Structures are given as structure tokens and as C-alpha cells.
Amino acid sequence: MTSPALASIAHRVARRHTPNSRKPDPELPVRIDLPGAKVLLLPGRYRDAAYIQTHVQYVLSRPADIGEAHVINNLRCIRQNLEAIGISKPEIDAEVRRIEGAVRAEIWRQVLLRGDA
């Protein structure tokens, strides 16, 4: 269930158990607070180096157009996941750029060093 749905259920339960007075009931099973929590994303921690390595190995095992489509689709999914957990748009943009940069740098590193490895 999403947070708005849970908040709606909590609100209905609280209204059902609270008398008409403004004073909160100590027996109330749900306590309603003003929203104040914020989900913070630690820079560079949403997808780590192991993820980048695995992702790039998969991309390089496919033809170029399919690999590129996979990178783009994966970045779109990451953006959607971050939006769903409530990360702010500027933080999402920065994290998606960081992940894309890491993926593309690793792709070029592996392509350029393929013969040397």
C-alpha cells in the first residue's frame, strides 16, 4: 500500500475512535502527526560498483543497439523507483546522472581494455 493510502486508512480509524472534542484520546490506536519525514538519498549509494560491473557485463554481451536500449530502460526504471520512494527531483537527477556516468565510463573502460585484459 502507498503512503497516501495508509494515511487515509489511519485518518479514518482515528476519526472513528476520537470523540468530537479537539483533545486527543489516550486510547486512540493511531496517532496522527504532521508530515515531517523526508527520505534522503546518500550520494552514490543507490547503485554500487558491483551493480555497475554486472550491468555493464550484460550490456556488452548484447548488440550495441540492444545494449543502449537496456541502459536507457534501466535508468528510467531507477528514476521511477527513486520517485516512488519519495526522493526529490534534483536528487534523482543527480543520482541518475551519476549512475549513467559510471555505467558509460565502465563500458568504455571494458571496450578499450578488452584486448589488453
Protein backbone atom coordinates (compact mmCIF):
# COMPACT_ATOMS: atom_id res chain seq x y z
CA MET A 1 0.00 0.00 0.00
CA THR A 2 1.21 3.51 -0.71
CA SER A 3 1.76 6.14 1.97
CA PRO A 4 -1.31 8.21 0.95
CA ALA A 5 -3.49 5.09 1.18
CA LEU A 6 -2.08 4.23 4.61
CA ALA A 7 -2.56 7.81 5.76
CA SER A 8 -6.17 7.72 4.59
CA ILE A 9 -6.84 4.48 6.50
CA ALA A 10 -5.13 5.85 9.60
CA HIS A 11 -7.21 9.02 9.36
CA ARG A 12 -10.48 7.05 9.14
CA VAL A 13 -9.53 4.87 12.12
CA ALA A 14 -8.56 7.93 14.14
CA ARG A 15 -11.80 9.74 13.29
CA ARG A 16 -13.82 6.67 14.25
CA HIS A 17 -12.14 6.41 17.66
CA THR A 18 -11.90 10.08 18.57
CA PRO A 19 -14.73 11.88 20.32
CA ASN A 20 -15.89 15.20 18.89
CA SER A 21 -13.61 17.16 21.19
CA ARG A 22 -10.27 18.54 19.99
CA LYS A 23 -8.43 16.79 22.82
CA PRO A 24 -6.75 13.56 21.65
CA ASP A 25 -7.99 10.33 23.19
CA PRO A 26 -5.19 8.47 25.05
CA GLU A 27 -6.79 5.16 23.96
CA LEU A 28 -6.56 6.13 20.31
CA PRO A 29 -4.89 3.27 18.36
CA VAL A 30 -3.41 5.61 15.77
CA ARG A 31 -1.56 8.85 16.33
CA ILE A 32 -1.60 11.40 13.52
CA ASP A 33 1.33 13.78 13.24
CA LEU A 34 2.02 16.46 10.73
CA PRO A 35 4.15 15.18 7.86
CA GLY A 36 7.77 15.91 8.58
CA ALA A 37 9.76 12.92 7.46
CA LYS A 38 11.90 13.22 4.37
CA VAL A 39 13.62 10.40 2.52
CA LEU A 40 17.25 11.27 1.88
CA LEU A 41 19.41 9.58 -0.70
CA LEU A 42 23.07 9.19 0.13
CA PRO A 43 25.02 10.28 -2.96
CA GLY A 44 26.38 7.36 -4.93
CA ARG A 45 24.81 4.71 -2.71
CA TYR A 46 21.68 3.74 -4.64
CA ARG A 47 23.66 1.58 -7.09
CA ASP A 48 27.16 0.48 -6.12
CA ALA A 49 30.23 -0.54 -8.13
CA ALA A 50 29.23 -4.23 -8.16
CA TYR A 51 25.89 -3.30 -9.75
CA ILE A 52 27.65 -1.15 -12.37
CA GLN A 53 30.05 -4.01 -13.20
CA THR A 54 27.26 -6.59 -13.55
CA HIS A 55 25.10 -4.21 -15.58
CA VAL A 56 27.94 -3.39 -17.98
CA GLN A 57 28.85 -7.05 -18.48
CA TYR A 58 25.24 -7.70 -19.53
CA VAL A 59 25.16 -4.65 -21.83
CA LEU A 60 28.41 -5.66 -23.56
CA SER A 61 27.11 -9.17 -24.17
CA ARG A 62 24.37 -7.76 -26.41
CA PRO A 63 24.45 -5.97 -29.79
CA ALA A 64 25.12 -2.22 -29.46
CA ASP A 65 21.54 -1.05 -30.10
CA ILE A 66 20.05 -3.55 -27.66
CA GLY A 67 22.70 -2.71 -25.04
CA GLU A 68 21.99 1.02 -25.38
CA ALA A 69 18.23 0.42 -25.09
CA HIS A 70 18.90 -1.63 -21.96
CA VAL A 71 20.94 1.19 -20.38
CA ILE A 72 18.21 3.74 -21.16
CA ASN A 73 15.43 1.48 -19.87
CA ASN A 74 17.37 0.68 -16.71
CA LEU A 75 17.97 4.38 -15.98
CA ARG A 76 14.25 5.05 -16.49
CA CYS A 77 13.38 2.27 -14.02
CA ILE A 78 15.85 3.64 -11.47
CA ARG A 79 14.27 7.09 -11.83
CA GLN A 80 10.79 5.62 -11.28
CA ASN A 81 11.95 3.69 -8.21
CA LEU A 82 13.50 6.79 -6.68
CA GLU A 83 10.35 8.81 -7.38
CA ALA A 84 8.24 6.08 -5.75
CA ILE A 85 10.22 6.23 -2.50
CA GLY A 86 9.87 10.00 -2.32
CA ILE A 87 13.28 11.34 -3.34
CA SER A 88 13.27 14.93 -4.58
CA LYS A 89 13.65 15.59 -8.31
CA PRO A 90 17.05 17.34 -8.09
CA GLU A 91 18.46 14.44 -6.04
CA ILE A 92 17.00 11.92 -8.52
CA ASP A 93 18.50 13.81 -11.46
CA ALA A 94 21.92 13.90 -9.79
CA GLU A 95 21.85 10.20 -8.89
CA VAL A 96 20.67 9.09 -12.34
CA ARG A 97 23.43 11.19 -13.94
CA ARG A 98 25.99 9.63 -11.58
CA ILE A 99 24.83 6.11 -12.39
CA GLU A 100 24.76 6.80 -16.13
CA GLY A 101 28.24 8.30 -16.00
CA ALA A 102 29.58 5.31 -14.08
CA VAL A 103 27.94 2.84 -16.49
CA ARG A 104 29.20 4.61 -19.61
CA ALA A 105 32.71 5.03 -18.17
CA GLU A 106 32.83 1.31 -17.34
CA ILE A 107 31.54 0.41 -20.81
CA TRP A 108 34.36 2.41 -22.43
CA ARG A 109 36.92 1.07 -19.99
CA GLN A 110 35.98 -2.52 -20.83
CA VAL A 111 35.75 -1.85 -24.58
CA LEU A 112 39.12 -0.10 -24.71
CA LEU A 113 40.90 -2.61 -22.49
CA ARG A 114 39.22 -5.73 -23.91
CA GLY A 115 42.28 -6.72 -25.94
CA ASP A 116 44.68 -5.93 -23.07
CA ALA A 117 42.90 -7.92 -20.39
